[in-house]
């Protein structure tokens, strides 16, 4: 378990974090937090692994809480940031496929929270990805092709249009649209902005939703 965690930390520190730094306009507080937590978790593993400190139930519980909080931050904030920021072709060139570790428990997202733009909440299991995405008026996802998965879009609020192989389909609150794999699609928010839930089977890696310019 310690070796797995160490390898995971190294992959993030040597590959993911430098890529984020290259594509972000400013330093990321999420990366800073992750690096600090990596250090604290490594230090705890060394202390207990070398027997320099007696095994203390309360201290071990604190380490467990730190690890759980770190994993939750990766699942809900850091990995979605990577998905939004680093282009698909860059990830595929280095053979990187980020998988969100399944938590083994139900996760709840506030689908009505109106704050923010882009990916607002995301959860993944072994089989399923679900993401809440929000765009301001005129914003959205540029035209792209997805050959991997059918995608179900469920509109939570606002309005807009999804164009599938050149065919525009109106998006309205409480309406669902299945976008088949192999089609070219684009999403544009209407005058009220757009907030929707995107659901699909897990992909092997990340797929970037490119914002409209």
Protein backbone atom coordinates (compact mmCIF):
# COMPACT_ATOMS: atom_id res chain seq x y z
CA UNK A 1 0.00 0.00 0.00
CA UNK A 2 2.85 2.39 0.89
CA UNK A 3 4.66 1.55 -2.35
CA UNK A 4 1.45 2.10 -4.37
CA UNK A 5 0.90 5.48 -2.73
CA UNK A 6 4.50 6.52 -3.31
CA UNK A 7 4.30 5.62 -7.01
CA UNK A 8 1.02 7.51 -7.31
CA UNK A 9 2.55 10.59 -5.69
CA UNK A 10 5.59 10.42 -7.99
CA UNK A 11 3.40 10.21 -11.10
CA UNK A 12 1.51 13.30 -10.01
CA UNK A 13 4.63 15.25 -9.03
CA UNK A 14 6.73 14.29 -12.07
CA UNK A 15 4.07 14.29 -14.79
CA UNK A 16 0.70 15.80 -13.88
CA UNK A 17 1.74 18.82 -11.84
CA UNK A 18 4.39 20.04 -14.34
CA UNK A 19 1.83 19.72 -17.15
CA UNK A 20 -0.67 21.75 -15.17
CA UNK A 21 1.96 24.42 -14.53
CA UNK A 22 2.66 24.59 -18.27
CA UNK A 23 -1.00 25.07 -19.23
CA UNK A 24 -2.26 27.22 -16.36
CA UNK A 25 -1.88 31.01 -16.37
CA UNK A 26 -1.09 31.13 -12.65
CA UNK A 27 0.01 28.79 -9.84
CA UNK A 28 -2.64 26.38 -8.59
CA UNK A 29 -3.60 26.30 -4.92
CA UNK A 30 -4.80 22.73 -5.49
CA UNK A 31 -1.32 21.64 -6.58
CA UNK A 32 0.26 23.43 -3.60
CA UNK A 33 -2.16 21.67 -1.27
CA UNK A 34 -1.50 18.28 -2.87
CA UNK A 35 2.27 18.69 -2.52
CA UNK A 36 1.98 19.59 1.17
CA UNK A 37 -0.30 16.61 1.80
CA UNK A 38 2.08 14.29 -0.11
CA UNK A 39 4.85 15.38 2.24
CA UNK A 40 2.78 14.87 5.37
CA UNK A 41 1.60 11.42 4.25
CA UNK A 42 5.12 10.33 3.28
CA UNK A 43 6.46 11.53 6.64
CA UNK A 44 3.78 9.57 8.51
CA UNK A 45 4.56 6.44 6.49
CA UNK A 46 8.27 6.74 7.29
CA UNK A 47 7.69 7.40 11.00
CA UNK A 48 5.44 4.41 11.51
CA UNK A 49 7.32 2.21 9.03
CA UNK A 50 10.63 2.68 10.85
CA UNK A 51 9.03 2.28 14.26
CA UNK A 52 10.29 5.66 15.41
CA UNK A 53 6.95 6.39 17.00
CA UNK A 54 4.66 4.05 18.92
CA UNK A 55 1.49 3.13 17.11
CA UNK A 56 -1.09 5.55 18.45
CA UNK A 57 -4.72 5.01 17.52
CA UNK A 58 -5.62 8.67 17.50
CA UNK A 59 -2.59 9.65 15.42
CA UNK A 60 -3.29 6.86 12.91
CA UNK A 61 -6.90 8.02 12.67
CA UNK A 62 -5.67 11.54 11.90
CA UNK A 63 -3.47 10.18 9.10
CA UNK A 64 -6.45 8.25 7.76
CA UNK A 65 -8.58 11.39 7.73
CA UNK A 66 -5.83 13.28 5.91
CA UNK A 67 -5.56 10.53 3.29
CA UNK A 68 -9.33 10.45 2.79
CA UNK A 69 -9.50 14.25 2.41
CA UNK A 70 -6.61 14.10 -0.08
CA UNK A 71 -8.39 11.48 -2.20
CA UNK A 72 -11.66 13.45 -2.12
CA UNK A 73 -9.82 16.60 -3.26
CA UNK A 74 -8.24 14.69 -6.14
CA UNK A 75 -11.56 13.16 -7.22
CA UNK A 76 -13.65 16.31 -7.02
CA UNK A 77 -11.22 19.16 -7.76
CA UNK A 78 -7.73 18.23 -8.95
CA UNK A 79 -8.58 15.63 -11.61
CA UNK A 80 -11.44 17.73 -13.06
CA UNK A 81 -8.94 20.63 -13.27
CA UNK A 82 -6.57 18.39 -15.25
CA UNK A 83 -9.48 17.36 -17.49
CA UNK A 84 -10.38 20.99 -18.20
CA UNK A 85 -6.83 22.23 -18.66
CA UNK A 86 -4.56 19.73 -20.41
CA UNK A 87 -5.44 18.86 -24.04
CA UNK A 88 -6.30 15.27 -24.93
CA UNK A 89 -3.46 14.97 -27.41
CA UNK A 90 -0.89 15.89 -24.76
CA UNK A 91 -2.20 13.26 -22.36
CA UNK A 92 -2.34 10.62 -25.07
CA UNK A 93 1.22 11.38 -26.22
CA UNK A 94 2.61 10.49 -22.80
CA UNK A 95 0.22 7.59 -22.33
CA UNK A 96 -1.35 9.10 -19.24
CA UNK A 97 -4.75 7.85 -18.12
CA UNK A 98 -5.93 9.29 -14.83
CA UNK A 99 -8.42 7.11 -13.03
CA UNK A 100 -10.39 8.44 -10.11
CA UNK A 101 -10.04 5.96 -7.23
CA UNK A 102 -13.48 4.49 -6.41
CA UNK A 103 -14.40 5.38 -2.85
CA UNK A 104 -16.71 2.45 -2.25
CA UNK A 105 -19.40 4.75 -0.87
CA UNK A 106 -22.23 6.90 -2.20
CA UNK A 107 -21.30 10.49 -3.05
CA UNK A 108 -23.69 13.42 -3.11
CA UNK A 109 -23.45 16.57 -5.22
CA UNK A 110 -25.48 19.77 -4.93
CA UNK A 111 -26.86 19.92 -8.46
CA UNK A 112 -28.70 23.19 -7.79
CA UNK A 113 -25.67 25.20 -6.65
CA UNK A 114 -25.46 28.01 -9.26
CA UNK A 115 -21.94 29.22 -8.50
CA UNK A 116 -19.02 28.88 -10.90
CA UNK A 117 -18.32 27.95 -14.50
CA UNK A 118 -17.02 24.74 -16.08
CA UNK A 119 -16.98 21.45 -14.17
CA UNK A 120 -18.74 22.13 -10.86
CA UNK A 121 -18.96 18.60 -9.47
CA UNK A 122 -17.78 15.20 -10.63
CA UNK A 123 -17.95 11.67 -9.33
CA UNK A 124 -16.71 8.37 -10.71
CA UNK A 125 -17.09 4.70 -9.91
CA UNK A 126 -15.58 1.66 -11.56
CA UNK A 127 -18.27 1.80 -14.27
CA UNK A 128 -19.69 5.33 -14.32
CA UNK A 129 -18.76 9.00 -14.73
CA UNK A 130 -21.18 11.79 -13.78
CA UNK A 131 -20.29 15.48 -14.07
CA UNK A 132 -22.17 18.72 -13.50
CA UNK A 133 -21.09 21.41 -15.98
CA UNK A 134 -22.10 25.09 -16.04
CA UNK A 135 -21.60 27.68 -18.80
CA UNK A 136 -22.45 31.39 -18.90
CA UNK A 137 -24.56 32.87 -21.73
CA UNK A 138 -22.75 32.25 -25.01
CA UNK A 139 -20.29 29.81 -23.44
CA UNK A 140 -20.11 26.10 -24.04
CA UNK A 141 -18.09 23.30 -25.60
CA UNK A 142 -16.45 23.63 -29.02
CA UNK A 143 -17.21 21.13 -31.78
CA UNK A 144 -15.50 17.78 -31.20
CA UNK A 145 -15.96 14.08 -31.94
CA UNK A 146 -16.28 11.38 -29.29
CA UNK A 147 -15.89 7.82 -30.56
CA UNK A 148 -15.81 6.15 -27.13
CA UNK A 149 -19.10 6.50 -25.30
CA UNK A 150 -22.74 7.50 -25.63
CA UNK A 151 -23.39 10.49 -23.36
CA UNK A 152 -26.62 11.39 -21.55
CA UNK A 153 -27.09 15.14 -20.99
CA UNK A 154 -29.72 16.13 -18.42
CA UNK A 155 -30.39 19.88 -18.23
CA UNK A 156 -30.67 21.17 -14.67
CA UNK A 157 -31.16 24.88 -15.36
CA UNK A 158 -30.96 27.45 -18.14
CA UNK A 159 -31.17 26.83 -21.85
CA UNK A 160 -28.98 26.25 -24.87
CA UNK A 161 -28.32 24.07 -27.88
CA UNK A 162 -26.43 20.85 -28.49
CA UNK A 163 -25.52 20.40 -32.16
CA UNK A 164 -25.05 16.75 -33.15
CA UNK A 165 -23.65 16.08 -36.63
CA UNK A 166 -24.91 19.50 -37.72
CA UNK A 167 -28.40 19.05 -36.25
CA UNK A 168 -29.28 21.59 -33.51
CA UNK A 169 -31.29 20.26 -30.55
CA UNK A 170 -32.81 22.63 -27.99
CA UNK A 171 -31.73 22.17 -24.39
CA UNK A 172 -34.18 23.16 -21.67
CA UNK A 173 -34.47 22.53 -17.96
CA UNK A 174 -35.68 19.02 -17.08
CA UNK A 175 -34.92 17.76 -20.60
CA UNK A 176 -32.55 14.89 -21.39
CA UNK A 177 -30.67 14.21 -24.62
CA UNK A 178 -28.61 11.13 -25.53
CA UNK A 179 -25.64 12.03 -27.75
CA UNK A 180 -24.45 8.86 -29.56
CA UNK A 181 -20.80 7.95 -29.76
CA UNK A 182 -19.13 8.57 -33.10
CA UNK A 183 -20.95 11.88 -33.63
CA UNK A 184 -19.58 15.41 -33.82
CA UNK A 185 -21.13 17.55 -31.14
CA UNK A 186 -20.96 21.07 -29.74
CA UNK A 187 -22.79 22.74 -26.85
CA UNK A 188 -23.77 26.40 -26.64
CA UNK A 189 -25.44 28.10 -23.67
CA UNK A 190 -28.43 30.36 -24.29
CA UNK A 191 -29.31 33.73 -22.78
CA UNK A 192 -29.94 32.20 -19.34
CA UNK A 193 -26.69 30.26 -19.23
CA UNK A 194 -26.68 26.49 -19.06
CA UNK A 195 -26.17 23.90 -16.34
CA UNK A 196 -26.38 20.19 -17.08
CA UNK A 197 -25.46 16.76 -15.81
CA UNK A 198 -23.30 14.65 -18.15
CA UNK A 199 -23.41 10.88 -17.56
CA UNK A 200 -21.51 8.13 -19.40
CA UNK A 201 -19.67 4.87 -18.86
CA UNK A 202 -16.13 5.30 -17.58
CA UNK A 203 -13.51 6.11 -20.19
CA UNK A 204 -10.00 4.67 -20.02
CA UNK A 205 -8.59 8.18 -19.68
CA UNK A 206 -9.52 11.83 -19.60
CA UNK A 207 -11.50 13.65 -22.29
CA UNK A 208 -11.23 17.42 -22.40
CA UNK A 209 -14.30 19.59 -22.85
CA UNK A 210 -12.86 22.49 -24.85
CA UNK A 211 -14.56 25.78 -24.01
CA UNK A 212 -15.88 27.88 -26.87
CA UNK A 213 -13.69 30.89 -27.60
